[in-house]
Amino acid sequence: MSNKTWLNSYPAHIATEVEIPNKTLPQVLQETTQQYPDNNALTFYHKKISYRELSTLVGAFASALQQSGVEKGDRVAIMLPNCPQYVISYYGALTVGGIVTQLNPMLVERELQYILNDSGAETIVIFDALYPRLKAIQSETKVKNVVVVSLQPTEHSFAPDIVFDEYLKSGNGKVSYVEIDAAEDVAVLQYTGGTTGRSKGAMLTHRNLVANVVQCIEFYQDDLNPGQERYLTVIPLFHVFGMTACMNFAIFTGSSSILLPRFDLEEVLNTIKVEKPTVFPGVPTMYVAITNHPEAEKYGIDSIRICNSGSAPMPVELLREFERKTGARILEGYGLSEASPVTHCNPIFAERKPGTVGIGYPSTEYKVVDLGDGITEVPPGELGELIIRGPQIMKGYWNMPEETANTLRDGWLFTGDIARMDDEGYVSIVDRKKDMIIAGGFNIYPRDVEEVLYEHPAVQEAVVVGVPDEYRGENVKAVLVLKAGKEASEEEIIQYCRDNMSAYKVPRLVEFRAELPKTAVGKILRRVIKEETSPKQTN
C-alpha cells in the first residue's frame, strides 16, 4: 500500500477523508434554494435568475418531461452552449430520474448519431443552429422528443418540434416523486473519446458527482465564501470540468454562475469588468489570451481570486505572468471524465509546485504502478501508470463490460496516464493517455481522426500526432502515405476533414511521406513519428 505522503501537506483543519452525503443533485438544488432563495443563481448577459426562480423553472421542465413520458432511467440528451436552459434541462432531467447525456455542440452528424444510438436517448434539448444536424440523422436514432432552444429572437428556416419556453408550459405543474438511489443510479453519461474509434459513456452516479463537489469544498475551504462567490462559467458545461467545477460547485455553495456561451476575449474581459467574478475555472488557452491582451488590467481582472486550470498542462511561465497581472492564484489540477472529474490539485494551504498537478483530493487514494504488471508501486521519481481510488470514480462504461473491466480493477481506476510522484506525493503527468492530443483544451483521440482520413479515396496509411503549439498547447498533424497513382493536396485533405469531423479535431498540418516507420509485424510506430515531427525540448 502507498504510504500516502501527500496527507502530510494537509493542515489539521482540512479533512483528509470526507463524508459523502446521501443525496442527489436535485436535492442539493432544493437545499440551496431553501438557504439562499434570493441569491443570484445564474447570470446570462442582462438576465439574472435567482435560486427560487431556477428551482421553479427546473420543476416546470421536470413536469414537462413526465408529461412527455420520460421515466426513471431514460436518457435525456443536452446539446447546448452555456445558457440558463442548459442548467434547467440538466437538473430537470435528474429530478425525474433521467440520465443526462452530455453532447458536444461541435459533433458532426456521424458522431452525433453514434452517441445518440449508444446512449439510447429518446429526448434531446438542442440549440436551434444545430437542429438541422439532428434532423439529418434523427430517423436513424430513437429520438422522438426534440426541444429547441433559441438564445435570441430568430426567424427559423424550419419548423421546430417545440421551443423551450412552450415546452416549459406543457407540463401540468406537478412532478411525480421518483425515488433515486444516489449511490447506484446513474446521473450523467459523460462521453469520452475512444482509441478504438468508439466513444465511451462514463457512468457517473449522483454520489460520484456530489462527492467531487464535497471534495472540492473541503480542499478549497480556506479561500471559499459560500453564498458569495461568482463563477465565470465560460468552460462548456457539456465538458465534465465545466459541469463540476462551475455549475455543480456553484449550486452546491449557493454561488452565482456567470454564463458565457463561448470564449470570446473581448466579451470575457467586458464581462469581468461588469460582473466582477471571483472564481475563473479555465483552460490554459484562455489564460494565454487574457495574459497577452495589452490592456487586460484595465478590465478589473484583479477581482478574480482563484483560477482552477485543467484539461491541459499549464506552462509555468504563463502561470507566473497571469498571476502577476491579476493577483489571482492559478491552481493547476488533474482529472478525467471517469473521475467526475477532479482527483488532484495544487493546494491553497500548502506548497504549490508548478509543473505538477498537485496532491490528491480528500478521500482520494492514488499510486504510480509498474507499467508492466500494473500492481507494483514504483519508487518516487520513477515513471509508471497513475491509478486512483475514491468516491468520485465512475460506476463503469455504459454497455461496455470489457472496457469497464480493463479500466476498473479491484476498485482502482487505471488512468492510462504515465506519471511520476515525488516523495511528498505531488504528481507530474508525463505522457498522455493512449496518445491523446489536447488542443485548445479539447481532448482529441488520434484514432478518431485517422478513421476519417482512411476513408479518403487517396489515402493508404494515416497516423495522427500532436505537435507543440504555443497558444493551443498542441496542433493536430496528419502524416499520410497516398495510394499508388493517387494525388491529394494538403488543402484537399484539410477540407475533407472539415466536412467529416468536429472543427477542433481537424488537422492543421499535413505531411505526405513515401512510407511510415513500422514494427516487424507492421504496426505503425506513432511514437517515432511524434518524435520526428516535434521540436526537441529541453527541460
Protein backbone atom coordinates (compact mmCIF):
# COMPACT_ATOMS: atom_id res chain seq x y z
CA MET A 1 0.00 0.00 0.00
CA SER A 2 1.01 3.58 -0.61
CA ASN A 3 2.28 5.46 2.44
CA LYS A 4 0.14 8.47 1.37
CA THR A 5 2.86 11.05 1.89
CA TRP A 6 0.61 13.75 0.42
CA LEU A 7 -1.51 13.68 3.57
CA ASN A 8 1.40 15.35 5.40
CA SER A 9 0.64 18.51 3.41
CA TYR A 10 -2.89 18.75 4.85
CA PRO A 11 -3.32 21.14 7.81
CA ALA A 12 -5.29 19.90 10.81
CA HIS A 13 -8.49 21.76 9.93
CA ILE A 14 -8.85 20.22 6.44
CA ALA A 15 -10.13 16.67 6.49
CA THR A 16 -8.21 14.04 4.58
CA GLU A 17 -11.36 11.90 4.48
CA VAL A 18 -14.78 13.44 3.86
CA GLU A 19 -18.23 12.06 4.48
CA ILE A 20 -20.29 12.00 1.29
CA PRO A 21 -23.91 12.97 1.98
CA ASN A 22 -26.50 10.52 0.69
CA LYS A 23 -28.29 12.97 -1.54
CA THR A 24 -28.99 13.55 -5.21
CA LEU A 25 -28.09 16.64 -7.23
CA PRO A 26 -31.75 17.83 -7.31
CA GLN A 27 -31.81 17.56 -3.51
CA VAL A 28 -28.69 19.74 -3.42
CA LEU A 29 -30.50 22.37 -5.50
CA GLN A 30 -33.53 22.20 -3.19
CA GLU A 31 -31.40 22.72 -0.09
CA THR A 32 -29.51 25.62 -1.65
CA THR A 33 -32.82 27.22 -2.69
CA GLN A 34 -34.07 26.96 0.89
CA GLN A 35 -30.89 28.52 2.26
CA TYR A 36 -30.27 31.17 -0.42
CA PRO A 37 -33.63 31.72 -2.19
CA ASP A 38 -32.85 35.27 -3.31
CA ASN A 39 -29.22 34.71 -4.23
CA ASN A 40 -28.42 35.10 -7.89
CA ALA A 41 -28.00 31.59 -9.33
CA LEU A 42 -27.41 32.41 -13.00
CA THR A 43 -26.37 35.47 -14.96
CA PHE A 44 -26.71 35.34 -18.73
CA TYR A 45 -25.96 38.69 -20.35
CA HIS A 46 -28.64 41.03 -18.96
CA LYS A 47 -30.77 38.28 -17.43
CA LYS A 48 -30.42 37.20 -13.82
CA ILE A 49 -32.17 34.19 -12.29
CA SER A 50 -32.41 33.68 -8.52
CA TYR A 51 -32.29 30.27 -6.88
CA ARG A 52 -36.03 30.50 -6.21
CA GLU A 53 -36.68 31.17 -9.89
CA LEU A 54 -34.25 28.47 -11.02
CA SER A 55 -35.92 25.90 -8.79
CA THR A 56 -39.34 26.82 -10.24
CA LEU A 57 -38.05 26.51 -13.81
CA VAL A 58 -36.42 23.15 -13.06
CA GLY A 59 -39.74 21.92 -11.65
CA ALA A 60 -41.59 23.10 -14.77
CA PHE A 61 -39.13 21.28 -17.01
CA ALA A 62 -39.34 18.12 -14.91
CA SER A 63 -43.15 18.22 -15.11
CA ALA A 64 -42.98 18.63 -18.90
CA LEU A 65 -40.63 15.66 -19.18
CA GLN A 66 -43.02 13.46 -17.22
CA GLN A 67 -45.91 14.64 -19.40
CA SER A 68 -43.75 13.61 -22.41
CA GLY A 69 -43.43 10.11 -20.99
CA VAL A 70 -39.88 10.37 -19.65
CA GLU A 71 -39.36 7.88 -16.83
CA LYS A 72 -36.60 6.94 -14.43
CA GLY A 73 -33.51 5.72 -16.28
CA ASP A 74 -34.46 7.29 -19.61
CA ARG A 75 -31.64 9.20 -21.26
CA VAL A 76 -32.13 12.91 -21.93
CA ALA A 77 -29.53 14.39 -24.27
CA ILE A 78 -28.46 18.03 -23.99
CA MET A 79 -26.71 19.70 -26.92
CA LEU A 80 -26.45 23.37 -25.98
CA PRO A 81 -23.88 26.09 -25.42
CA ASN A 82 -23.70 27.55 -21.91
CA CYS A 83 -27.06 29.17 -21.17
CA PRO A 84 -29.76 29.01 -18.45
CA GLN A 85 -31.66 26.40 -20.46
CA TYR A 86 -28.70 24.04 -20.04
CA VAL A 87 -28.86 24.20 -16.24
CA ILE A 88 -32.67 23.93 -16.23
CA SER A 89 -32.63 20.91 -18.56
CA TYR A 90 -29.84 19.18 -16.64
CA TYR A 91 -31.43 19.49 -13.20
CA GLY A 92 -34.94 18.92 -14.59
CA ALA A 93 -33.89 15.64 -16.20
CA LEU A 94 -32.20 14.48 -12.99
CA THR A 95 -35.31 15.40 -10.96
CA VAL A 96 -37.39 12.79 -12.82
CA GLY A 97 -34.67 10.17 -12.50
CA GLY A 98 -33.44 10.68 -16.05
CA ILE A 99 -29.84 10.20 -17.13
CA VAL A 100 -28.31 13.29 -18.72
CA THR A 101 -26.34 12.52 -21.89
CA GLN A 102 -23.96 15.42 -22.49
CA LEU A 103 -23.34 16.25 -26.14
CA ASN A 104 -20.60 18.49 -27.50
CA PRO A 105 -22.29 21.04 -29.84
CA MET A 106 -19.36 20.59 -32.22
CA LEU A 107 -20.25 16.98 -33.01
CA VAL A 108 -20.89 16.33 -36.70
CA GLU A 109 -23.75 14.12 -37.88
CA ARG A 110 -21.96 10.77 -37.74
CA GLU A 111 -20.58 11.45 -34.25
CA LEU A 112 -23.96 12.66 -33.02
CA GLN A 113 -25.72 9.62 -34.45
CA TYR A 114 -23.29 7.25 -32.75
CA ILE A 115 -23.70 8.76 -29.26
CA LEU A 116 -27.49 9.06 -29.54
CA ASN A 117 -27.70 5.41 -30.56
CA ASP A 118 -25.18 4.21 -27.99
CA SER A 119 -26.99 6.02 -25.16
CA GLY A 120 -30.47 5.19 -26.47
CA ALA A 121 -31.63 8.76 -25.83
CA GLU A 122 -35.23 9.41 -26.83
CA THR A 123 -35.33 13.06 -25.74
CA ILE A 124 -32.96 15.84 -26.73
CA VAL A 125 -32.72 19.53 -25.87
CA ILE A 126 -30.85 21.17 -28.72
CA PHE A 127 -29.65 24.61 -29.83
CA ASP A 128 -31.61 25.87 -32.85
CA ALA A 129 -28.49 26.26 -35.02
CA LEU A 130 -27.79 22.54 -34.55
CA TYR A 131 -31.34 21.38 -35.27
CA PRO A 132 -30.72 20.62 -38.98
CA ARG A 133 -27.79 18.40 -37.98
CA LEU A 134 -30.12 16.35 -35.78
CA LYS A 135 -32.88 16.19 -38.38
CA ALA A 136 -30.45 14.73 -40.93
CA ILE A 137 -29.89 11.64 -38.76
CA GLN A 138 -32.92 11.52 -36.44
CA SER A 139 -34.62 8.73 -38.38
CA GLU A 140 -31.57 6.54 -37.67
CA THR A 141 -31.94 7.08 -33.90
CA LYS A 142 -34.58 6.54 -31.19
CA VAL A 143 -35.04 10.28 -30.62
CA LYS A 144 -38.72 11.24 -30.54
CA ASN A 145 -38.89 14.28 -28.21
CA VAL A 146 -36.99 17.31 -29.55
CA VAL A 147 -36.95 20.58 -27.60
CA VAL A 148 -35.33 23.50 -29.44
CA VAL A 149 -33.58 26.38 -27.68
CA SER A 150 -33.18 29.79 -29.30
CA LEU A 151 -30.99 32.30 -27.49
CA GLN A 152 -32.30 35.28 -29.44
CA PRO A 153 -35.42 36.07 -31.49
CA THR A 154 -34.92 34.47 -34.86
CA GLU A 155 -36.79 33.52 -38.00
CA HIS A 156 -36.28 29.77 -38.40
CA SER A 157 -35.98 28.24 -41.84
CA PHE A 158 -37.53 25.15 -40.26
CA ALA A 159 -40.49 24.37 -38.03
CA PRO A 160 -39.05 23.20 -34.69
CA ASP A 161 -40.83 20.36 -32.89
CA ILE A 162 -41.37 22.53 -29.81
CA VAL A 163 -39.42 25.51 -28.49
CA PHE A 164 -38.10 25.54 -24.94
CA ASP A 165 -40.46 28.16 -23.45
CA GLU A 166 -43.51 26.35 -24.85
CA TYR A 167 -42.20 23.07 -23.52
CA LEU A 168 -41.89 24.53 -20.01
CA LYS A 169 -45.63 25.31 -20.16
CA SER A 170 -46.58 21.85 -21.42
CA GLY A 171 -46.37 20.18 -18.02
CA ASN A 172 -49.23 20.05 -15.54
CA GLY A 173 -47.28 21.91 -12.88
CA LYS A 174 -46.78 18.75 -10.84
CA VAL A 175 -43.76 16.48 -10.55
CA SER A 176 -44.44 12.89 -9.54
CA TYR A 177 -41.94 11.74 -6.94
CA VAL A 178 -39.23 9.41 -8.23
CA GLU A 179 -37.06 7.50 -5.78
CA ILE A 180 -33.40 7.80 -6.73
CA ASP A 181 -30.59 5.79 -5.18
CA ALA A 182 -27.75 8.31 -5.06
CA ALA A 183 -25.06 5.65 -4.83
CA GLU A 184 -26.35 3.34 -7.57
CA ASP A 185 -28.38 5.41 -10.01
CA VAL A 186 -26.55 6.99 -12.92
CA ALA A 187 -26.97 10.76 -13.24
CA VAL A 188 -24.80 11.52 -16.26
CA LEU A 189 -23.33 9.73 -19.25
CA GLN A 190 -20.10 11.60 -19.91
CA TYR A 191 -18.78 10.55 -23.30
CA THR A 192 -15.05 10.33 -23.72
CA GLY A 193 -13.28 9.62 -26.98
CA GLY A 194 -12.31 6.06 -27.71
CA THR A 195 -8.98 4.82 -29.03
CA THR A 196 -10.96 2.02 -30.62
CA GLY A 197 -12.83 4.65 -32.60
CA ARG A 198 -15.84 4.32 -30.29
CA SER A 199 -16.71 6.92 -27.69
CA LYS A 200 -17.32 5.52 -24.23
CA GLY A 201 -20.03 6.78 -21.90
CA ALA A 202 -18.63 7.09 -18.37
CA MET A 203 -21.49 6.35 -15.96
CA LEU A 204 -21.35 8.98 -13.22
CA THR A 205 -23.77 8.44 -10.35
CA HIS A 206 -25.35 11.14 -8.21
CA ARG A 207 -22.97 10.11 -5.43
CA ASN A 208 -19.94 10.41 -7.73
CA LEU A 209 -20.89 13.98 -8.69
CA VAL A 210 -21.91 15.07 -5.19
CA ALA A 211 -18.70 13.53 -3.82
CA ASN A 212 -16.49 15.51 -6.18
CA VAL A 213 -18.14 18.80 -5.18
CA VAL A 214 -17.84 17.95 -1.46
CA GLN A 215 -14.16 17.13 -2.03
CA CYS A 216 -13.71 20.49 -3.81
CA ILE A 217 -15.36 22.39 -0.97
CA GLU A 218 -13.18 20.74 1.67
CA PHE A 219 -10.00 21.26 -0.34
CA TYR A 220 -10.65 24.95 -1.07
CA GLN A 221 -12.35 25.91 2.19
CA ASP A 222 -9.66 28.40 3.22
CA ASP A 223 -10.48 30.60 0.25
CA LEU A 224 -14.16 29.90 -0.30
CA ASN A 225 -17.06 32.15 0.67
CA PRO A 226 -20.32 30.14 0.35
CA GLY A 227 -23.21 32.18 -0.97
CA GLN A 228 -20.91 34.95 -2.20
CA GLU A 229 -18.72 33.62 -4.98
CA ARG A 230 -19.27 34.50 -8.63
CA TYR A 231 -18.07 31.84 -11.09
CA LEU A 232 -17.09 32.92 -14.58
CA THR A 233 -18.55 29.94 -16.44
CA VAL A 234 -17.13 30.03 -19.93
CA ILE A 235 -15.83 26.45 -19.91
CA PRO A 236 -18.52 24.42 -21.71
CA LEU A 237 -20.97 22.79 -19.33
CA PHE A 238 -21.01 19.68 -21.54
CA HIS A 239 -17.36 19.26 -20.53
CA VAL A 240 -17.04 17.34 -17.27
CA PHE A 241 -14.76 20.07 -15.82
CA GLY A 242 -17.32 22.82 -16.52
CA MET A 243 -20.16 20.66 -15.20
CA THR A 244 -18.49 20.05 -11.83
CA ALA A 245 -16.13 23.00 -11.25
CA CYS A 246 -18.63 25.62 -12.42
CA MET A 247 -22.28 24.53 -12.45
CA ASN A 248 -22.50 21.95 -9.67
CA PHE A 249 -19.91 23.63 -7.42
CA ALA A 250 -21.71 26.99 -7.67
CA ILE A 251 -25.12 25.43 -6.96
CA PHE A 252 -23.80 23.42 -4.01
CA THR A 253 -22.40 26.59 -2.39
CA GLY A 254 -25.25 28.99 -3.21
CA SER A 255 -22.98 30.94 -5.51
CA SER A 256 -23.61 32.60 -8.86
CA SER A 257 -22.67 31.29 -12.32
CA ILE A 258 -21.95 33.95 -14.92
CA LEU A 259 -22.67 32.03 -18.12
CA LEU A 260 -21.00 32.77 -21.44
CA PRO A 261 -21.72 30.55 -24.47
CA ARG A 262 -18.18 30.70 -25.88
CA PHE A 263 -14.74 32.13 -25.19
CA ASP A 264 -14.60 35.47 -26.97
CA LEU A 265 -11.74 37.50 -25.47
CA GLU A 266 -13.35 40.95 -25.61
CA GLU A 267 -16.66 39.58 -24.33
CA VAL A 268 -14.91 37.77 -21.49
CA LEU A 269 -12.96 40.88 -20.48
CA ASN A 270 -16.06 43.08 -20.62
CA THR A 271 -17.97 40.52 -18.56
CA ILE A 272 -15.19 40.52 -15.97
CA LYS A 273 -15.37 44.32 -15.85
CA VAL A 274 -19.14 44.37 -15.28
CA GLU A 275 -19.78 41.22 -13.21
CA LYS A 276 -16.52 41.08 -11.23
CA PRO A 277 -16.22 37.28 -10.98
CA THR A 278 -14.21 35.88 -8.09
CA VAL A 279 -13.55 32.37 -9.44
CA PHE A 280 -12.49 31.52 -13.00
CA PRO A 281 -12.08 27.84 -13.88
CA GLY A 282 -10.38 27.72 -17.26
CA VAL A 283 -8.01 26.02 -19.63
CA PRO A 284 -4.53 27.34 -20.47
CA THR A 285 -5.54 28.81 -23.85
CA MET A 286 -7.98 31.12 -22.05
CA TYR A 287 -5.29 32.31 -19.65
CA VAL A 288 -2.89 32.81 -22.59
CA ALA A 289 -5.38 35.04 -24.38
CA ILE A 290 -6.05 37.19 -21.31
CA THR A 291 -2.39 37.43 -20.34
CA ASN A 292 -1.41 38.56 -23.85
CA HIS A 293 -4.10 41.25 -24.06
CA PRO A 294 -2.20 44.54 -23.81
CA GLU A 295 -4.82 46.23 -21.61
CA ALA A 296 -6.09 43.29 -19.59
CA GLU A 297 -5.55 45.07 -16.27
CA LYS A 298 -7.97 47.85 -17.29
CA TYR A 299 -10.86 45.40 -17.19
CA GLY A 300 -10.58 44.79 -13.46
CA ILE A 301 -9.32 41.24 -13.79
CA ASP A 302 -7.97 41.58 -10.26
CA SER A 303 -11.50 40.74 -9.00
CA ILE A 304 -10.58 37.10 -9.71
CA ARG A 305 -9.05 35.35 -6.70
CA ILE A 306 -8.99 31.71 -7.74
CA CYS A 307 -8.35 30.13 -11.12
CA ASN A 308 -8.59 26.37 -11.50
CA SER A 309 -6.69 25.23 -14.55
CA GLY A 310 -7.47 21.86 -16.01
CA SER A 311 -7.69 19.72 -19.15
CA ALA A 312 -4.18 20.56 -20.40
CA PRO A 313 -0.73 21.19 -18.93
CA MET A 314 -0.11 24.76 -17.80
CA PRO A 315 3.18 26.34 -18.94
CA VAL A 316 4.98 27.62 -15.84
CA GLU A 317 5.91 30.99 -17.37
CA LEU A 318 2.31 31.61 -18.39
CA LEU A 319 1.14 30.81 -14.87
CA ARG A 320 3.54 33.33 -13.37
CA GLU A 321 2.69 36.08 -15.87
CA PHE A 322 -1.07 35.64 -15.43
CA GLU A 323 -0.73 35.75 -11.66
CA ARG A 324 1.43 38.88 -11.88
CA LYS A 325 -1.24 40.67 -13.91
CA THR A 326 -4.29 39.52 -11.95
CA GLY A 327 -3.11 38.89 -8.43
CA ALA A 328 -5.06 35.62 -8.67
CA ARG A 329 -3.66 32.20 -7.95
CA ILE A 330 -3.81 29.51 -10.59
CA LEU A 331 -4.28 26.11 -9.05
CA GLU A 332 -3.39 23.53 -11.66
CA GLY A 333 -5.10 20.21 -11.24
CA TYR A 334 -5.85 16.90 -12.88
CA GLY A 335 -8.94 14.93 -13.59
CA LEU A 336 -10.67 12.79 -16.16
CA SER A 337 -14.24 12.06 -17.21
CA GLU A 338 -14.15 8.76 -15.36
CA ALA A 339 -13.49 10.59 -12.08
CA SER A 340 -16.25 13.21 -12.19
CA PRO A 341 -13.54 14.66 -12.94
CA VAL A 342 -11.14 16.06 -10.31
CA THR A 343 -8.68 13.90 -8.39
CA HIS A 344 -5.64 16.18 -7.86
CA CYS A 345 -4.89 19.85 -7.47
CA ASN A 346 -2.15 22.14 -6.25
CA PRO A 347 -3.31 23.22 -2.79
CA ILE A 348 -4.06 26.68 -1.44
CA PHE A 349 -2.99 25.50 2.00
CA ALA A 350 0.46 24.10 1.16
CA GLU A 351 3.27 24.43 -1.33
CA ARG A 352 2.32 24.80 -4.96
CA LYS A 353 4.70 23.05 -7.32
CA PRO A 354 4.39 24.49 -10.83
CA GLY A 355 4.64 21.78 -13.45
CA THR A 356 2.85 19.28 -11.21
CA VAL A 357 -0.89 18.66 -10.84
CA GLY A 358 -0.52 18.78 -7.07
CA ILE A 359 -1.76 16.30 -4.49
CA GLY A 360 -4.85 14.15 -4.10
CA TYR A 361 -8.23 15.45 -3.04
CA PRO A 362 -9.69 14.34 0.30
CA SER A 363 -10.80 10.68 0.23
CA THR A 364 -8.69 10.13 -2.89
CA GLU A 365 -6.01 7.47 -2.88
CA TYR A 366 -3.51 7.05 -5.68
CA LYS A 367 -0.42 5.13 -6.68
CA VAL A 368 2.06 5.09 -9.53
CA VAL A 369 2.47 1.47 -10.54
CA ASP A 370 4.73 -0.54 -12.79
CA LEU A 371 3.72 -0.25 -16.44
CA GLY A 372 4.21 -3.96 -16.92
CA ASP A 373 2.37 -5.62 -14.06
CA GLY A 374 0.03 -2.78 -13.01
CA ILE A 375 0.49 -3.78 -9.36
CA THR A 376 3.96 -2.96 -8.06
CA GLU A 377 4.36 0.60 -6.82
CA VAL A 378 7.38 2.32 -8.30
CA PRO A 379 9.72 4.44 -6.14
CA PRO A 380 9.32 8.26 -6.00
CA GLY A 381 10.59 9.92 -9.16
CA GLU A 382 10.16 6.86 -11.37
CA LEU A 383 7.66 6.59 -14.19
CA GLY A 384 4.61 4.36 -14.05
CA GLU A 385 0.85 4.38 -14.58
CA LEU A 386 -1.25 6.57 -12.32
CA ILE A 387 -4.10 4.64 -10.69
CA ILE A 388 -6.73 6.23 -8.47
CA ARG A 389 -9.40 5.18 -5.98
CA GLY A 390 -12.11 7.33 -4.41
CA PRO A 391 -15.86 8.09 -4.19
CA GLN A 392 -15.75 10.18 -7.37
CA ILE A 393 -14.71 7.25 -9.58
CA MET A 394 -17.34 6.21 -12.15
CA LYS A 395 -19.56 3.17 -11.93
CA GLY A 396 -18.23 1.95 -15.28
CA TYR A 397 -18.70 2.47 -19.01
CA TRP A 398 -22.21 2.36 -20.43
CA ASN A 399 -22.83 -1.02 -22.10
CA MET A 400 -19.09 -1.79 -22.26
CA PRO A 401 -18.32 -4.53 -19.73
CA GLU A 402 -14.91 -5.41 -21.22
CA GLU A 403 -13.74 -1.78 -21.28
CA THR A 404 -15.03 -1.40 -17.72
CA ALA A 405 -13.18 -4.50 -16.50
CA ASN A 406 -9.98 -3.27 -18.12
CA THR A 407 -10.20 0.21 -16.61
CA LEU A 408 -11.65 -0.56 -13.16
CA ARG A 409 -9.69 -3.25 -11.32
CA ASP A 410 -10.20 -4.05 -7.62
CA GLY A 411 -11.72 -0.61 -7.10
CA TRP A 412 -8.84 1.23 -8.80
CA LEU A 413 -9.24 3.39 -11.88
CA PHE A 414 -6.37 2.72 -14.27
CA THR A 415 -5.93 6.10 -15.95
CA GLY A 416 -3.54 5.02 -18.69
CA ASP A 417 -1.59 8.21 -17.94
CA ILE A 418 2.13 7.88 -17.34
CA ALA A 419 3.19 9.84 -14.29
CA ARG A 420 5.78 10.24 -11.59
CA MET A 421 5.24 11.08 -7.94
CA ASP A 422 7.74 12.90 -5.75
CA ASP A 423 8.44 11.99 -2.15
CA GLU A 424 5.77 14.41 -0.93
CA GLY A 425 3.05 12.87 -3.09
CA TYR A 426 2.93 15.57 -5.76
CA VAL A 427 2.16 14.11 -9.18
CA SER A 428 3.54 15.10 -12.59
CA ILE A 429 1.78 13.78 -15.68
CA VAL A 430 4.50 12.85 -18.13
CA ASP A 431 2.65 11.32 -21.03
CA ARG A 432 -0.85 11.21 -22.39
CA LYS A 433 -3.44 8.56 -22.11
CA LYS A 434 -3.17 6.45 -25.24
CA ASP A 435 -1.53 9.24 -27.26
CA MET A 436 -4.37 11.67 -26.70
CA ILE A 437 -3.84 15.15 -28.14
CA ILE A 438 -5.02 18.20 -26.20
CA ALA A 439 -5.58 21.24 -28.44
CA GLY A 440 -7.19 24.36 -27.03
CA GLY A 441 -8.50 22.37 -24.06
CA PHE A 442 -10.21 19.75 -26.26
CA ASN A 443 -9.31 16.08 -25.94
CA ILE A 444 -8.59 14.62 -29.38
CA TYR A 445 -8.01 10.94 -29.90
CA PRO A 446 -5.79 10.27 -32.94
CA ARG A 447 -7.74 7.16 -33.90
CA ASP A 448 -10.94 9.21 -34.34
CA VAL A 449 -9.18 11.45 -36.88
CA GLU A 450 -7.36 8.57 -38.55
CA GLU A 451 -10.57 6.67 -39.20
CA VAL A 452 -11.91 9.61 -41.20
CA LEU A 453 -8.63 10.01 -43.08
CA TYR A 454 -8.65 6.34 -44.03
CA GLU A 455 -11.99 6.91 -45.74
CA HIS A 456 -10.43 9.40 -48.17
CA PRO A 457 -10.05 7.63 -51.53
CA ALA A 458 -6.41 8.70 -51.97
CA VAL A 459 -5.14 7.75 -48.51
CA GLN A 460 -3.35 4.46 -47.97
CA GLU A 461 -1.93 4.98 -44.50
CA ALA A 462 -2.53 7.66 -41.89
CA VAL A 463 -1.16 8.48 -38.50
CA VAL A 464 -2.12 11.48 -36.41
CA VAL A 465 0.07 13.09 -33.74
CA GLY A 466 0.10 16.24 -31.67
CA VAL A 467 2.81 18.81 -32.23
CA PRO A 468 3.54 21.54 -29.68
CA ASP A 469 1.87 24.91 -30.21
CA GLU A 470 2.48 27.93 -28.01
CA TYR A 471 -1.17 29.01 -27.94
CA ARG A 472 -3.29 25.86 -28.37
CA GLY A 473 -0.96 23.56 -26.43
CA GLU A 474 -0.83 21.18 -29.37
CA ASN A 475 -1.89 21.14 -33.00
CA VAL A 476 -3.18 18.09 -34.82
CA LYS A 477 -0.82 16.85 -37.53
CA ALA A 478 -1.64 14.13 -40.05
CA VAL A 479 1.17 12.14 -41.65
CA LEU A 480 -0.06 10.32 -44.75
CA VAL A 481 1.04 7.81 -47.36
CA LEU A 482 -1.03 8.09 -50.54
CA LYS A 483 -2.15 5.18 -52.69
CA ALA A 484 -0.07 4.47 -55.79
CA GLY A 485 -1.13 6.73 -58.63
CA LYS A 486 -3.32 8.91 -56.39
CA GLU A 487 -2.81 12.58 -55.57
CA ALA A 488 -4.10 14.90 -52.89
CA SER A 489 -3.07 18.32 -51.62
CA GLU A 490 -2.79 19.49 -48.03
CA GLU A 491 -5.76 21.84 -48.63
CA GLU A 492 -7.89 18.99 -50.00
CA ILE A 493 -7.17 16.75 -47.02
CA ILE A 494 -7.94 19.52 -44.52
CA GLN A 495 -11.21 20.37 -46.28
CA TYR A 496 -12.19 16.70 -46.33
CA CYS A 497 -11.62 16.56 -42.58
CA ARG A 498 -13.65 19.74 -42.03
CA ASP A 499 -16.56 18.07 -43.82
CA ASN A 500 -16.38 14.89 -41.76
CA MET A 501 -15.39 15.76 -38.18
CA SER A 502 -15.73 18.37 -35.48
CA ALA A 503 -13.71 21.52 -36.19
CA TYR A 504 -11.42 21.09 -33.17
CA LYS A 505 -10.25 17.69 -34.46
CA VAL A 506 -9.30 18.87 -37.96
CA PRO A 507 -5.54 18.60 -38.68
CA ARG A 508 -3.81 21.94 -39.10
CA LEU A 509 -0.75 20.30 -40.61
CA VAL A 510 -0.49 17.58 -43.22
CA GLU A 511 2.69 15.82 -44.27
CA PHE A 512 2.99 13.34 -47.12
CA ARG A 513 5.55 10.50 -46.97
CA ALA A 514 6.54 7.58 -49.13
CA GLU A 515 6.36 5.23 -46.13
CA LEU A 516 5.78 5.20 -42.37
CA PRO A 517 8.04 3.64 -39.72
CA LYS A 518 6.68 0.29 -38.53
CA THR A 519 7.42 -2.60 -36.22
CA ALA A 520 8.42 -6.02 -37.54
CA VAL A 521 4.75 -7.05 -37.53
CA GLY A 522 3.69 -3.94 -39.46
CA LYS A 523 2.32 -1.78 -36.66
CA ILE A 524 2.85 1.92 -37.33
CA LEU A 525 5.24 3.46 -34.81
CA ARG A 526 3.30 6.53 -33.77
CA ARG A 527 5.86 7.45 -31.11
CA VAL A 528 8.67 7.57 -33.68
CA ILE A 529 6.63 9.86 -35.92
CA LYS A 530 5.80 12.09 -32.96
CA GLU A 531 9.48 12.37 -32.08
CA GLU A 532 10.37 13.18 -35.70
CA THR A 533 7.72 15.90 -36.00
CA SER A 534 8.19 17.54 -32.60
CA PRO A 535 10.94 20.05 -31.94
CA LYS A 536 13.49 18.87 -29.40
CA GLN A 537 12.58 20.24 -25.99
CA THR A 538 14.97 20.87 -23.14
CA ASN A 539 14.00 20.86 -19.50
